[in-house]
Amino acid sequence: MYSSFDNAIFTLGPIFIGLVAIIIFGAIIFSIAKSIGTWNSNNNSPELKVPAEVVTKRTKTSGGSGDSSASTWYYATFQVESGDRMELAVNGSQYGMLADGDVGMLTFQGTRFNGFERVNKV
C-alpha cells in the first residue's frame, strides 16, 4: 500500500519543517541581537560634533505592491575635514532639511545621527 518513498516523506517531512523553523527563528534572534549590539555600541560611544559637508542623500524604498504600504529609509552622506565620509540614517524631516553641499556642524554618536546645524559659507 505505502511505498518506501511515502514512508520517507512521512519520516523526513517533519524533520525538514523543524529545520526550516529553526533557521527562521535563528535568523530572527540573530537580527534582534545585532540590533541590540548596535544600539549598545552607539550608547557607549562619545557624542561628537564635527565640521562636515553634506555630500549626497539617498533613499531606500521597499514594499508597496498591491494593497501593502511602502516603507522608505533615508540616508545622508557627510564628509568631515579629514576627507572621511560616513553615511548615516536620518528621519524624513531631517532628510528634507539637508541639501547637497550644505556645510555645518554634524553631531553623531557611533552610527547614530543626532543633528546637523547648517552654517553660512563665507
PDB file of N, CA and C in Angstrom:
ATOM      1  N   MET A   1       0.809  -1.179   0.000  1.00  0.00           N
ATOM      2  CA  MET A   1       0.000   0.000   0.000  1.00  0.00           C
ATOM      3  C   MET A   1       0.863   1.256   0.000  1.00  0.00           C
ATOM      4  N   TYR A   2       1.678   1.413   1.019  1.00  0.00           N
ATOM      5  CA  TYR A   2       2.586   2.557   1.054  1.00  0.00           C
ATOM      6  C   TYR A   2       3.944   2.102   0.552  1.00  0.00           C
ATOM      7  N   SER A   3       4.506   2.904  -0.311  1.00  0.00           N
ATOM      8  CA  SER A   3       5.840   2.584  -0.806  1.00  0.00           C
ATOM      9  C   SER A   3       6.876   3.137   0.162  1.00  0.00           C
ATOM     10  N   SER A   4       8.120   2.775  -0.066  1.00  0.00           N
ATOM     11  CA  SER A   4       9.194   3.288   0.795  1.00  0.00           C
ATOM     12  C   SER A   4       9.346   4.799   0.607  1.00  0.00           C
ATOM     13  N   PHE A   5       8.958   5.316  -0.570  1.00  0.00           N
ATOM     14  CA  PHE A   5       9.003   6.762  -0.810  1.00  0.00           C
ATOM     15  C   PHE A   5       8.012   7.477   0.090  1.00  0.00           C
ATOM     16  N   ASP A   6       6.809   6.938   0.212  1.00  0.00           N
ATOM     17  CA  ASP A   6       5.801   7.534   1.093  1.00  0.00           C
ATOM     18  C   ASP A   6       6.265   7.521   2.540  1.00  0.00           C
ATOM     19  N   ASN A   7       6.880   6.428   2.954  1.00  0.00           N
ATOM     20  CA  ASN A   7       7.390   6.349   4.321  1.00  0.00           C
ATOM     21  C   ASN A   7       8.480   7.390   4.556  1.00  0.00           C
ATOM     22  N   ALA A   8       9.327   7.615   3.550  1.00  0.00           N
ATOM     23  CA  ALA A   8      10.401   8.596   3.683  1.00  0.00           C
ATOM     24  C   ALA A   8       9.824  10.001   3.821  1.00  0.00           C
ATOM     25  N   ILE A   9       8.784  10.306   3.073  1.00  0.00           N
ATOM     26  CA  ILE A   9       8.154  11.626   3.158  1.00  0.00           C
ATOM     27  C   ILE A   9       7.564  11.837   4.551  1.00  0.00           C
ATOM     28  N   PHE A  10       6.883  10.811   5.077  1.00  0.00           N
ATOM     29  CA  PHE A  10       6.286  10.952   6.404  1.00  0.00           C
ATOM     30  C   PHE A  10       7.344  11.009   7.502  1.00  0.00           C
ATOM     31  N   THR A  11       8.485  10.427   7.247  1.00  0.00           N
ATOM     32  CA  THR A  11       9.560  10.438   8.240  1.00  0.00           C
ATOM     33  C   THR A  11      10.383  11.718   8.147  1.00  0.00           C
ATOM     34  N   LEU A  12      10.741  12.119   6.934  1.00  0.00           N
ATOM     35  CA  LEU A  12      11.621  13.273   6.743  1.00  0.00           C
ATOM     36  C   LEU A  12      10.874  14.604   6.708  1.00  0.00           C
ATOM     37  N   GLY A  13       9.601  14.602   6.378  1.00  0.00           N
ATOM     38  CA  GLY A  13       8.818  15.838   6.296  1.00  0.00           C
ATOM     39  C   GLY A  13       8.850  16.649   7.574  1.00  0.00           C
ATOM     40  N   PRO A  14       8.498  16.052   8.718  1.00  0.00           N
ATOM     41  CA  PRO A  14       8.526  16.814   9.973  1.00  0.00           C
ATOM     42  C   PRO A  14       9.941  17.298  10.337  1.00  0.00           C
ATOM     43  N   ILE A  15      10.940  16.511  10.014  1.00  0.00           N
ATOM     44  CA  ILE A  15      12.323  16.920  10.292  1.00  0.00           C
ATOM     45  C   ILE A  15      12.664  18.151   9.456  1.00  0.00           C
ATOM     46  N   PHE A  16      12.298  18.129   8.183  1.00  0.00           N
ATOM     47  CA  PHE A  16      12.572  19.257   7.292  1.00  0.00           C
ATOM     48  C   PHE A  16      11.846  20.514   7.771  1.00  0.00           C
ATOM     49  N   ILE A  17      10.575  20.369   8.143  1.00  0.00           N
ATOM     50  CA  ILE A  17       9.799  21.509   8.629  1.00  0.00           C
ATOM     51  C   ILE A  17      10.419  22.061   9.916  1.00  0.00           C
ATOM     52  N   GLY A  18      10.875  21.187  10.791  1.00  0.00           N
ATOM     53  CA  GLY A  18      11.526  21.612  12.020  1.00  0.00           C
ATOM     54  C   GLY A  18      12.817  22.368  11.741  1.00  0.00           C
ATOM     55  N   LEU A  19      13.613  21.889  10.778  1.00  0.00           N
ATOM     56  CA  LEU A  19      14.858  22.578  10.429  1.00  0.00           C
ATOM     57  C   LEU A  19      14.584  23.969   9.858  1.00  0.00           C
ATOM     58  N   VAL A  20      13.577  24.092   9.009  1.00  0.00           N
ATOM     59  CA  VAL A  20      13.221  25.392   8.440  1.00  0.00           C
ATOM     60  C   VAL A  20      12.779  26.343   9.554  1.00  0.00           C
ATOM     61  N   ALA A  21      11.991  25.855  10.485  1.00  0.00           N
ATOM     62  CA  ALA A  21      11.536  26.687  11.607  1.00  0.00           C
ATOM     63  C   ALA A  21      12.729  27.142  12.451  1.00  0.00           C
ATOM     64  N   ILE A  22      13.675  26.252  12.703  1.00  0.00           N
ATOM     65  CA  ILE A  22      14.868  26.615  13.485  1.00  0.00           C
ATOM     66  C   ILE A  22      15.673  27.680  12.755  1.00  0.00           C
ATOM     67  N   ILE A  23      15.829  27.549  11.448  1.00  0.00           N
ATOM     68  CA  ILE A  23      16.578  28.536  10.659  1.00  0.00           C
ATOM     69  C   ILE A  23      15.882  29.897  10.710  1.00  0.00           C
ATOM     70  N   ILE A  24      14.570  29.923  10.559  1.00  0.00           N
ATOM     71  CA  ILE A  24      13.822  31.188  10.585  1.00  0.00           C
ATOM     72  C   ILE A  24      13.930  31.853  11.957  1.00  0.00           C
ATOM     73  N   PHE A  25      13.692  31.081  13.024  1.00  0.00           N
ATOM     74  CA  PHE A  25      13.789  31.652  14.370  1.00  0.00           C
ATOM     75  C   PHE A  25      15.220  32.085  14.680  1.00  0.00           C
ATOM     76  N   GLY A  26      16.195  31.331  14.192  1.00  0.00           N
ATOM     77  CA  GLY A  26      17.596  31.707  14.384  1.00  0.00           C
ATOM     78  C   GLY A  26      17.916  33.033  13.718  1.00  0.00           C
ATOM     79  N   ALA A  27      17.399  33.228  12.498  1.00  0.00           N
ATOM     80  CA  ALA A  27      17.619  34.492  11.782  1.00  0.00           C
ATOM     81  C   ALA A  27      16.972  35.654  12.525  1.00  0.00           C
ATOM     82  N   ILE A  28      15.782  35.444  13.062  1.00  0.00           N
ATOM     83  CA  ILE A  28      15.099  36.497  13.818  1.00  0.00           C
ATOM     84  C   ILE A  28      15.890  36.837  15.075  1.00  0.00           C
ATOM     85  N   ILE A  29      16.336  35.831  15.803  1.00  0.00           N
ATOM     86  CA  ILE A  29      17.110  36.066  17.034  1.00  0.00           C
ATOM     87  C   ILE A  29      18.428  36.759  16.704  1.00  0.00           C
ATOM     88  N   PHE A  30      19.100  36.356  15.614  1.00  0.00           N
ATOM     89  CA  PHE A  30      20.348  36.991  15.200  1.00  0.00           C
ATOM     90  C   PHE A  30      20.119  38.467  14.879  1.00  0.00           C
ATOM     91  N   SER A  31      19.039  38.769  14.163  1.00  0.00           N
ATOM     92  CA  SER A  31      18.719  40.150  13.797  1.00  0.00           C
ATOM     93  C   SER A  31      18.463  40.995  15.045  1.00  0.00           C
ATOM     94  N   ILE A  32      17.727  40.466  15.995  1.00  0.00           N
ATOM     95  CA  ILE A  32      17.449  41.195  17.237  1.00  0.00           C
ATOM     96  C   ILE A  32      18.739  41.423  18.009  1.00  0.00           C
ATOM     97  N   ALA A  33      19.580  40.403  18.109  1.00  0.00           N
ATOM     98  CA  ALA A  33      20.844  40.528  18.841  1.00  0.00           C
ATOM     99  C   ALA A  33      21.757  41.558  18.176  1.00  0.00           C
ATOM    100  N   LYS A  34      21.790  41.572  16.851  1.00  0.00           N
ATOM    101  CA  LYS A  34      22.621  42.539  16.131  1.00  0.00           C
ATOM    102  C   LYS A  34      22.118  43.962  16.373  1.00  0.00           C
ATOM    103  N   SER A  35      20.809  44.163  16.355  1.00  0.00           N
ATOM    104  CA  SER A  35      20.229  45.490  16.618  1.00  0.00           C
ATOM    105  C   SER A  35      20.542  45.958  18.032  1.00  0.00           C
ATOM    106  N   ILE A  36      20.436  45.061  18.999  1.00  0.00           N
ATOM    107  CA  ILE A  36      20.746  45.421  20.385  1.00  0.00           C
ATOM    108  C   ILE A  36      22.230  45.753  20.510  1.00  0.00           C
ATOM    109  N   GLY A  37      23.084  45.013  19.827  1.00  0.00           N
ATOM    110  CA  GLY A  37      24.517  45.286  19.850  1.00  0.00           C
ATOM    111  C   GLY A  37      24.853  46.654  19.276  1.00  0.00           C
ATOM    112  N   THR A  38      24.223  47.013  18.153  1.00  0.00           N
ATOM    113  CA  THR A  38      24.442  48.333  17.548  1.00  0.00           C
ATOM    114  C   THR A  38      23.939  49.435  18.470  1.00  0.00           C
ATOM    115  N   TRP A  39      22.772  49.256  19.045  1.00  0.00           N
ATOM    116  CA  TRP A  39      22.197  50.229  19.968  1.00  0.00           C
ATOM    117  C   TRP A  39      23.125  50.438  21.163  1.00  0.00           C
ATOM    118  N   ASN A  40      23.624  49.338  21.737  1.00  0.00           N
ATOM    119  CA  ASN A  40      24.517  49.412  22.885  1.00  0.00           C
ATOM    120  C   ASN A  40      25.840  50.080  22.512  1.00  0.00           C
ATOM    121  N   SER A  41      26.376  49.740  21.351  1.00  0.00           N
ATOM    122  CA  SER A  41      27.631  50.339  20.887  1.00  0.00           C
ATOM    123  C   SER A  41      27.473  51.852  20.703  1.00  0.00           C
ATOM    124  N   ASN A  42      26.357  52.272  20.098  1.00  0.00           N
ATOM    125  CA  ASN A  42      26.095  53.703  19.923  1.00  0.00           C
ATOM    126  C   ASN A  42      25.978  54.408  21.274  1.00  0.00           C
ATOM    127  N   ASN A  43      25.289  53.793  22.216  1.00  0.00           N
ATOM    128  CA  ASN A  43      25.115  54.409  23.539  1.00  0.00           C
ATOM    129  C   ASN A  43      26.447  54.550  24.278  1.00  0.00           C
ATOM    130  N   ASN A  44      27.378  53.633  24.040  1.00  0.00           N
ATOM    131  CA  ASN A  44      28.676  53.684  24.712  1.00  0.00           C
ATOM    132  C   ASN A  44      29.697  54.533  23.960  1.00  0.00           C
ATOM    133  N   SER A  45      29.351  55.030  22.778  1.00  0.00           N
ATOM    134  CA  SER A  45      30.247  55.893  22.004  1.00  0.00           C
ATOM    135  C   SER A  45      30.072  57.336  22.464  1.00  0.00           C
ATOM    136  N   PRO A  46      31.150  58.118  22.370  1.00  0.00           N
ATOM    137  CA  PRO A  46      31.002  59.534  22.729  1.00  0.00           C
ATOM    138  C   PRO A  46      30.199  60.276  21.667  1.00  0.00           C
ATOM    139  N   GLU A  47      29.463  61.291  22.083  1.00  0.00           N
ATOM    140  CA  GLU A  47      28.763  62.137  21.118  1.00  0.00           C
ATOM    141  C   GLU A  47      29.775  63.145  20.582  1.00  0.00           C
ATOM    142  N   LEU A  48      29.933  63.146  19.253  1.00  0.00           N
ATOM    143  CA  LEU A  48      30.908  64.027  18.616  1.00  0.00           C
ATOM    144  C   LEU A  48      30.204  65.103  17.809  1.00  0.00           C
ATOM    145  N   LYS A  49      30.792  66.289  17.789  1.00  0.00           N
ATOM    146  CA  LYS A  49      30.286  67.401  16.985  1.00  0.00           C
ATOM    147  C   LYS A  49      31.460  67.890  16.148  1.00  0.00           C
ATOM    148  N   VAL A  50      31.373  67.674  14.834  1.00  0.00           N
ATOM    149  CA  VAL A  50      32.492  67.974  13.939  1.00  0.00           C
ATOM    150  C   VAL A  50      32.012  68.770  12.729  1.00  0.00           C
ATOM    151  N   PRO A  51      32.905  69.608  12.152  1.00  0.00           N
ATOM    152  CA  PRO A  51      32.549  70.289  10.907  1.00  0.00           C
ATOM    153  C   PRO A  51      32.400  69.249   9.796  1.00  0.00           C
ATOM    154  N   ALA A  52      31.362  69.392   8.970  1.00  0.00           N
ATOM    155  CA  ALA A  52      31.122  68.424   7.905  1.00  0.00           C
ATOM    156  C   ALA A  52      30.341  69.078   6.767  1.00  0.00           C
ATOM    157  N   GLU A  53      30.368  68.396   5.635  1.00  0.00           N
ATOM    158  CA  GLU A  53      29.607  68.821   4.461  1.00  0.00           C
ATOM    159  C   GLU A  53      28.706  67.681   4.026  1.00  0.00           C
ATOM    160  N   VAL A  54      27.480  68.015   3.633  1.00  0.00           N
ATOM    161  CA  VAL A  54      26.570  67.018   3.088  1.00  0.00           C
ATOM    162  C   VAL A  54      27.022  66.733   1.660  1.00  0.00           C
ATOM    163  N   VAL A  55      27.431  65.490   1.410  1.00  0.00           N
ATOM    164  CA  VAL A  55      27.933  65.122   0.083  1.00  0.00           C
ATOM    165  C   VAL A  55      26.788  64.667  -0.810  1.00  0.00           C
ATOM    166  N   THR A  56      25.933  63.807  -0.280  1.00  0.00           N
ATOM    167  CA  THR A  56      24.806  63.306  -1.065  1.00  0.00           C
ATOM    168  C   THR A  56      23.751  62.732  -0.132  1.00  0.00           C
ATOM    169  N   LYS A  57      22.578  62.508  -0.675  1.00  0.00           N
ATOM    170  CA  LYS A  57      21.475  61.901   0.057  1.00  0.00           C
ATOM    171  C   LYS A  57      20.913  60.783  -0.806  1.00  0.00           C
ATOM    172  N   ARG A  58      20.303  59.788  -0.149  1.00  0.00           N
ATOM    173  CA  ARG A  58      19.648  58.723  -0.901  1.00  0.00           C
ATOM    174  C   ARG A  58      18.502  58.156  -0.076  1.00  0.00           C
ATOM    175  N   THR A  59      17.616  57.468  -0.759  1.00  0.00           N
ATOM    176  CA  THR A  59      16.510  56.790  -0.087  1.00  0.00           C
ATOM    177  C   THR A  59      16.501  55.333  -0.501  1.00  0.00           C
ATOM    178  N   LYS A  60      15.888  54.510   0.332  1.00  0.00           N
ATOM    179  CA  LYS A  60      15.686  53.093   0.015  1.00  0.00           C
ATOM    180  C   LYS A  60      14.219  52.802   0.304  1.00  0.00           C
ATOM    181  N   THR A  61      13.512  52.324  -0.688  1.00  0.00           N
ATOM    182  CA  THR A  61      12.091  52.046  -0.546  1.00  0.00           C
ATOM    183  C   THR A  61      11.836  50.565  -0.786  1.00  0.00           C
ATOM    184  N   SER A  62      10.979  49.975   0.036  1.00  0.00           N
ATOM    185  CA  SER A  62      10.611  48.577  -0.164  1.00  0.00           C
ATOM    186  C   SER A  62       9.119  48.416   0.069  1.00  0.00           C
ATOM    187  N   GLY A  63       8.564  47.355  -0.496  1.00  0.00           N
ATOM    188  CA  GLY A  63       7.141  47.086  -0.357  1.00  0.00           C
ATOM    189  C   GLY A  63       6.328  47.945  -1.299  1.00  0.00           C
ATOM    190  N   GLY A  64       5.053  48.046  -1.011  1.00  0.00           N
ATOM    191  CA  GLY A  64       4.187  48.909  -1.783  1.00  0.00           C
ATOM    192  C   GLY A  64       3.497  48.250  -2.948  1.00  0.00           C
ATOM    193  N   SER A  65       3.606  46.917  -3.072  1.00  0.00           N
ATOM    194  CA  SER A  65       2.905  46.271  -4.181  1.00  0.00           C
ATOM    195  C   SER A  65       1.506  45.863  -3.727  1.00  0.00           C
ATOM    196  N   GLY A  66       0.583  45.960  -4.622  1.00  0.00           N
ATOM    197  CA  GLY A  66      -0.797  45.609  -4.284  1.00  0.00           C
ATOM    198  C   GLY A  66      -1.364  46.541  -3.238  1.00  0.00           C
ATOM    199  N   ASP A  67      -1.935  45.961  -2.179  1.00  0.00           N
ATOM    200  CA  ASP A  67      -2.542  46.751  -1.114  1.00  0.00           C
ATOM    201  C   ASP A  67      -1.587  47.031   0.043  1.00  0.00           C
ATOM    202  N   SER A  68      -0.341  46.562  -0.052  1.00  0.00           N
ATOM    203  CA  SER A  68       0.595  46.778   1.057  1.00  0.00           C
ATOM    204  C   SER A  68       1.207  48.174   0.981  1.00  0.00           C
ATOM    205  N   SER A  69       1.596  48.689   2.126  1.00  0.00           N
ATOM    206  CA  SER A  69       2.193  50.025   2.159  1.00  0.00           C
ATOM    207  C   SER A  69       3.696  49.928   1.902  1.00  0.00           C
ATOM    208  N   ALA A  70       4.266  51.006   1.448  1.00  0.00           N
ATOM    209  CA  ALA A  70       5.696  51.061   1.193  1.00  0.00           C
ATOM    210  C   ALA A  70       6.408  51.641   2.410  1.00  0.00           C
ATOM    211  N   SER A  71       7.646  51.211   2.609  1.00  0.00           N
ATOM    212  CA  SER A  71       8.498  51.764   3.672  1.00  0.00           C
ATOM    213  C   SER A  71       9.679  52.450   3.017  1.00  0.00           C
ATOM    214  N   THR A  72      10.033  53.616   3.522  1.00  0.00           N
ATOM    215  CA  THR A  72      11.155  54.369   2.976  1.00  0.00           C
ATOM    216  C   THR A  72      12.146  54.671   4.079  1.00  0.00           C
ATOM    217  N   TRP A  73      13.428  54.415   3.809  1.00  0.00           N
ATOM    218  CA  TRP A  73      14.525  54.742   4.711  1.00  0.00           C
ATOM    219  C   TRP A  73      15.326  55.855   4.063  1.00  0.00           C
ATOM    220  N   TYR A  74      15.795  56.799   4.886  1.00  0.00           N
ATOM    221  CA  TYR A  74      16.520  57.974   4.397  1.00  0.00           C
ATOM    222  C   TYR A  74      17.956  57.953   4.911  1.00  0.00           C
ATOM    223  N   TYR A  75      18.901  58.309   4.034  1.00  0.00           N
ATOM    224  CA  TYR A  75      20.318  58.324   4.392  1.00  0.00           C
ATOM    225  C   TYR A  75      20.971  59.593   3.859  1.00  0.00           C
ATOM    226  N   ALA A  76      21.966  60.094   4.599  1.00  0.00           N
ATOM    227  CA  ALA A  76      22.760  61.235   4.155  1.00  0.00           C
ATOM    228  C   ALA A  76      24.229  60.879   4.340  1.00  0.00           C
ATOM    229  N   THR A  77      25.046  61.250   3.356  1.00  0.00           N
ATOM    230  CA  THR A  77      26.488  61.030   3.440  1.00  0.00           C
ATOM    231  C   THR A  77      27.162  62.353   3.757  1.00  0.00           C
ATOM    232  N   PHE A  78      27.979  62.344   4.797  1.00  0.00           N
ATOM    233  CA  PHE A  78      28.691  63.532   5.257  1.00  0.00           C
ATOM    234  C   PHE A  78      30.187  63.324   5.059  1.00  0.00           C
ATOM    235  N   GLN A  79      30.879  64.402   4.682  1.00  0.00           N
ATOM    236  CA  GLN A  79      32.333  64.365   4.591  1.00  0.00           C
ATOM    237  C   GLN A  79      32.897  65.307   5.648  1.00  0.00           C
ATOM    238  N   VAL A  80      33.790  64.777   6.494  1.00  0.00           N
ATOM    239  CA  VAL A  80      34.409  65.582   7.539  1.00  0.00           C
ATOM    240  C   VAL A  80      35.722  66.162   7.035  1.00  0.00           C
ATOM    241  N   GLU A  81      36.351  67.044   7.828  1.00  0.00           N
ATOM    242  CA  GLU A  81      37.544  67.767   7.395  1.00  0.00           C
ATOM    243  C   GLU A  81      38.689  66.850   6.970  1.00  0.00           C
ATOM    244  N   SER A  82      38.803  65.664   7.585  1.00  0.00           N
ATOM    245  CA  SER A  82      39.889  64.742   7.247  1.00  0.00           C
ATOM    246  C   SER A  82      39.688  64.099   5.876  1.00  0.00           C
ATOM    247  N   GLY A  83      38.507  64.274   5.283  1.00  0.00           N
ATOM    248  CA  GLY A  83      38.190  63.662   3.999  1.00  0.00           C
ATOM    249  C   GLY A  83      37.411  62.368   4.132  1.00  0.00           C
ATOM    250  N   ASP A  84      37.278  61.872   5.363  1.00  0.00           N
ATOM    251  CA  ASP A  84      36.498  60.652   5.592  1.00  0.00           C
ATOM    252  C   ASP A  84      35.027  60.934   5.366  1.00  0.00           C
ATOM    253  N   ARG A  85      34.338  59.922   4.851  1.00  0.00           N
ATOM    254  CA  ARG A  85      32.895  60.036   4.621  1.00  0.00           C
ATOM    255  C   ARG A  85      32.162  59.026   5.475  1.00  0.00           C
ATOM    256  N   MET A  86      30.963  59.398   5.915  1.00  0.00           N
ATOM    257  CA  MET A  86      30.118  58.474   6.659  1.00  0.00           C
ATOM    258  C   MET A  86      28.674  58.655   6.227  1.00  0.00           C
ATOM    259  N   GLU A  87      28.014  57.530   6.050  1.00  0.00           N
ATOM    260  CA  GLU A  87      26.594  57.557   5.703  1.00  0.00           C
ATOM    261  C   GLU A  87      25.803  57.249   6.958  1.00  0.00           C
ATOM    262  N   LEU A  88      24.879  58.123   7.289  1.00  0.00           N
ATOM    263  CA  LEU A  88      24.067  57.962   8.495  1.00  0.00           C
ATOM    264  C   LEU A  88      22.591  57.947   8.126  1.00  0.00           C
ATOM    265  N   ALA A  89      21.844  57.117   8.831  1.00  0.00           N
ATOM    266  CA  ALA A  89      20.392  57.088   8.640  1.00  0.00           C
ATOM    267  C   ALA A  89      19.792  58.322   9.308  1.00  0.00           C
ATOM    268  N   VAL A  90      18.866  58.980   8.620  1.00  0.00           N
ATOM    269  CA  VAL A  90      18.181  60.156   9.150  1.00  0.00           C
ATOM    270  C   VAL A  90      16.679  59.946   8.981  1.00  0.00           C
ATOM    271  N   ASN A  91      15.867  60.705   9.705  1.00  0.00           N
ATOM    272  CA  ASN A  91      14.425  60.564   9.504  1.00  0.00           C
ATOM    273  C   ASN A  91      13.978  61.462   8.340  1.00  0.00           C
ATOM    274  N   GLY A  92      12.751  61.335   7.934  1.00  0.00           N
ATOM    275  CA  GLY A  92      12.250  62.041   6.759  1.00  0.00           C
ATOM    276  C   GLY A  92      12.327  63.554   6.858  1.00  0.00           C
ATOM    277  N   SER A  93      12.016  64.113   8.029  1.00  0.00           N
ATOM    278  CA  SER A  93      12.050  65.571   8.149  1.00  0.00           C
ATOM    279  C   SER A  93      13.491  66.081   8.131  1.00  0.00           C
ATOM    280  N   GLN A  94      14.409  65.337   8.747  1.00  0.00           N
ATOM    281  CA  GLN A  94      15.825  65.721   8.699  1.00  0.00           C
ATOM    282  C   GLN A  94      16.338  65.639   7.263  1.00  0.00           C
ATOM    283  N   TYR A  95      15.935  64.594   6.568  1.00  0.00           N
ATOM    284  CA  TYR A  95      16.337  64.393   5.177  1.00  0.00           C
ATOM    285  C   TYR A  95      15.905  65.587   4.324  1.00  0.00           C
ATOM    286  N   GLY A  96      14.680  66.051   4.549  1.00  0.00           N
ATOM    287  CA  GLY A  96      14.153  67.172   3.784  1.00  0.00           C
ATOM    288  C   GLY A  96      14.863  68.485   4.056  1.00  0.00           C
ATOM    289  N   MET A  97      15.454  68.626   5.228  1.00  0.00           N
ATOM    290  CA  MET A  97      16.148  69.863   5.586  1.00  0.00           C
ATOM    291  C   MET A  97      17.590  69.898   5.095  1.00  0.00           C
ATOM    292  N   LEU A  98      18.117  68.756   4.650  1.00  0.00           N
ATOM    293  CA  LEU A  98      19.500  68.692   4.175  1.00  0.00           C
ATOM    294  C   LEU A  98      19.547  68.859   2.665  1.00  0.00           C
ATOM    295  N   ALA A  99      20.580  69.540   2.176  1.00  0.00           N
ATOM    296  CA  ALA A  99      20.792  69.688   0.741  1.00  0.00           C
ATOM    297  C   ALA A  99      22.254  69.381   0.441  1.00  0.00           C
ATOM    298  N   ASP A 100      22.492  68.784  -0.716  1.00  0.00           N
ATOM    299  CA  ASP A 100      23.866  68.517  -1.127  1.00  0.00           C
ATOM    300  C   ASP A 100      24.662  69.814  -1.091  1.00  0.00           C
ATOM    301  N   GLY A 101      25.848  69.759  -0.503  1.00  0.00           N
ATOM    302  CA  GLY A 101      26.703  70.936  -0.426  1.00  0.00           C
ATOM    303  C   GLY A 101      26.544  71.746   0.845  1.00  0.00           C
ATOM    304  N   ASP A 102      25.536  71.429   1.669  1.00  0.00           N
ATOM    305  CA  ASP A 102      25.388  72.134   2.948  1.00  0.00           C
ATOM    306  C   ASP A 102      26.633  71.918   3.807  1.00  0.00           C
ATOM    307  N   VAL A 103      27.080  72.978   4.458  1.00  0.00           N
ATOM    308  CA  VAL A 103      28.227  72.907   5.356  1.00  0.00           C
ATOM    309  C   VAL A 103      27.744  73.287   6.745  1.00  0.00           C
ATOM    310  N   GLY A 104      28.220  72.553   7.746  1.00  0.00           N
ATOM    311  CA  GLY A 104      27.803  72.853   9.111  1.00  0.00           C
ATOM    312  C   GLY A 104      28.453  71.936  10.110  1.00  0.00           C
ATOM    313  N   MET A 105      27.822  71.840  11.268  1.00  0.00           N
ATOM    314  CA  MET A 105      28.327  71.012  12.356  1.00  0.00           C
ATOM    315  C   MET A 105      27.460  69.757  12.471  1.00  0.00           C
ATOM    316  N   LEU A 106      28.097  68.617  12.258  1.00  0.00           N
ATOM    317  CA  LEU A 106      27.434  67.318  12.352  1.00  0.00           C
ATOM    318  C   LEU A 106      27.601  66.782  13.765  1.00  0.00           C
ATOM    319  N   THR A 107      26.503  66.369  14.363  1.00  0.00           N
ATOM    320  CA  THR A 107      26.542  65.734  15.678  1.00  0.00           C
ATOM    321  C   THR A 107      26.095  64.290  15.500  1.00  0.00           C
ATOM    322  N   PHE A 108      26.954  63.361  15.971  1.00  0.00           N
ATOM    323  CA  PHE A 108      26.620  61.948  15.845  1.00  0.00           C
ATOM    324  C   PHE A 108      27.209  61.178  17.023  1.00  0.00           C
ATOM    325  N   GLN A 109      26.679  59.991  17.232  1.00  0.00           N
ATOM    326  CA  GLN A 109      27.131  59.119  18.311  1.00  0.00           C
ATOM    327  C   GLN A 109      27.228  57.715  17.748  1.00  0.00           C
ATOM    328  N   GLY A 110      28.450  57.260  17.454  1.00  0.00           N
ATOM    329  CA  GLY A 110      28.634  55.975  16.802  1.00  0.00           C
ATOM    330  C   GLY A 110      28.097  56.052  15.389  1.00  0.00           C
ATOM    331  N   THR A 111      27.072  55.258  15.093  1.00  0.00           N
ATOM    332  CA  THR A 111      26.429  55.305  13.778  1.00  0.00           C
ATOM    333  C   THR A 111      25.083  56.021  13.835  1.00  0.00           C
ATOM    334  N   ARG A 112      24.794  56.678  14.947  1.00  0.00           N
ATOM    335  CA  ARG A 112      23.511  57.357  15.151  1.00  0.00           C
ATOM    336  C   ARG A 112      23.640  58.852  14.820  1.00  0.00           C
ATOM    337  N   PHE A 113      22.815  59.325  13.896  1.00  0.00           N
ATOM    338  CA  PHE A 113      22.747  60.738  13.548  1.00  0.00           C
ATOM    339  C   PHE A 113      21.994  61.467  14.644  1.00  0.00           C
ATOM    340  N   ASN A 114      22.608  62.526  15.201  1.00  0.00           N
ATOM    341  CA  ASN A 114      21.936  63.302  16.249  1.00  0.00           C
ATOM    342  C   ASN A 114      21.537  64.696  15.793  1.00  0.00           C
ATOM    343  N   GLY A 115      22.148  65.193  14.719  1.00  0.00           N
ATOM    344  CA  GLY A 115      21.759  66.507  14.246  1.00  0.00           C
ATOM    345  C   GLY A 115      22.786  67.116  13.301  1.00  0.00           C
ATOM    346  N   PHE A 116      22.342  68.157  12.624  1.00  0.00           N
ATOM    347  CA  PHE A 116      23.217  68.901  11.710  1.00  0.00           C
ATOM    348  C   PHE A 116      22.807  70.371  11.773  1.00  0.00           C
ATOM    349  N   GLU A 117      23.750  71.234  12.158  1.00  0.00           N
ATOM    350  CA  GLU A 117      23.486  72.670  12.224  1.00  0.00           C
ATOM    351  C   GLU A 117      24.206  73.330  11.055  1.00  0.00           C
ATOM    352  N   ARG A 118      23.424  73.847  10.127  1.00  0.00           N
ATOM    353  CA  ARG A 118      23.978  74.492   8.929  1.00  0.00           C
ATOM    354  C   ARG A 118      24.638  75.808   9.300  1.00  0.00           C
ATOM    355  N   VAL A 119      25.780  76.111   8.688  1.00  0.00           N
ATOM    356  CA  VAL A 119      26.437  77.417   8.850  1.00  0.00           C
ATOM    357  C   VAL A 119      26.570  78.045   7.473  1.00  0.00           C
ATOM    358  N   ASN A 120      26.561  79.358   7.433  1.00  0.00           N
ATOM    359  CA  ASN A 120      26.683  80.062   6.156  1.00  0.00           C
ATOM    360  C   ASN A 120      28.109  79.963   5.633  1.00  0.00           C
ATOM    361  N   LYS A 121      28.226  79.712   4.326  1.00  0.00           N
ATOM    362  CA  LYS A 121      29.548  79.706   3.698  1.00  0.00           C
ATOM    363  C   LYS A 121      30.070  81.125   3.588  1.00  0.00           C
ATOM    364  N   VAL A 122      31.364  81.281   3.794  1.00  0.00           N
ATOM    365  CA  VAL A 122      31.964  82.602   3.717  1.00  0.00           C
ATOM    366  C   VAL A 122      32.702  82.760   2.404  1.00  0.00           C
TER     367      VAL A 122
END
